[in-house]
Amino acid sequence: MNTFLARASIPLSILFSNAAFAEDLKIPIDDLQSLKTFLQTRQYQNFPVSEPEVHPSKNVHGTRIRTFLNKEMADGLGNRLAELPKNATAVKEVYTPEGVLDGWAVSIKLDDQSDYGTNWYWIEVVDLAKGGPGRVTSNERGSGPEGRLCVSCHQSGYDYTLTSLPRAIASPSARTNSK
């Protein structure tokens, strides 16, 4: 098992602004099945900022996407901090051209300093539309083999993030909670 993944987890209280979550709950990025369950149950839809609807994608994560941002990611993007804060998280729902949910692309910042992408964690789960449990195409910290692939693309973004807050809140129907 990857030694990083064996000791990493993100408290739900950090990822969600909803006070109903207990502080000791975790999103276990070291336990792939539990992480997939978190995604499959769409708990990320409680994040305070989301794009109002599915839209065409401009990147490699499918042809259509919808992005959800936790408070740290939204605040960091909104304030254009020099670096996004620790625990900044984005979850992209990835859809087929026909509009069927096909997977997720997730990014989580693991430290206040990006360290050239090393302190980012990425996972991508695809092929849900084929009826199975999904296939993991990337599951790695920025310094690992798949992580370097993620870093090579994401390094062109703002602090290794290609998501922009204006797109996420451009529509009046976008959900922005201040819980």
Foldseek 3Di string as FASTA:
>chain_A
DPPVLVPDWAFVVQQAVDPVGDRPDTCRLSDVVSVLVCVVVPVLVRAQFKFLDWDADPDDQEGIKIKGWHPQQLVCLVVVPLAGAAQTKMKIQHAYPVGHGFWIWMKGAHHRDCVLQQRIWIWIWGGVVVVDSTDIPGTDGCVDPSNVVLSVVQVVDRNSDPDHNCSRVVDPSIGGDPD
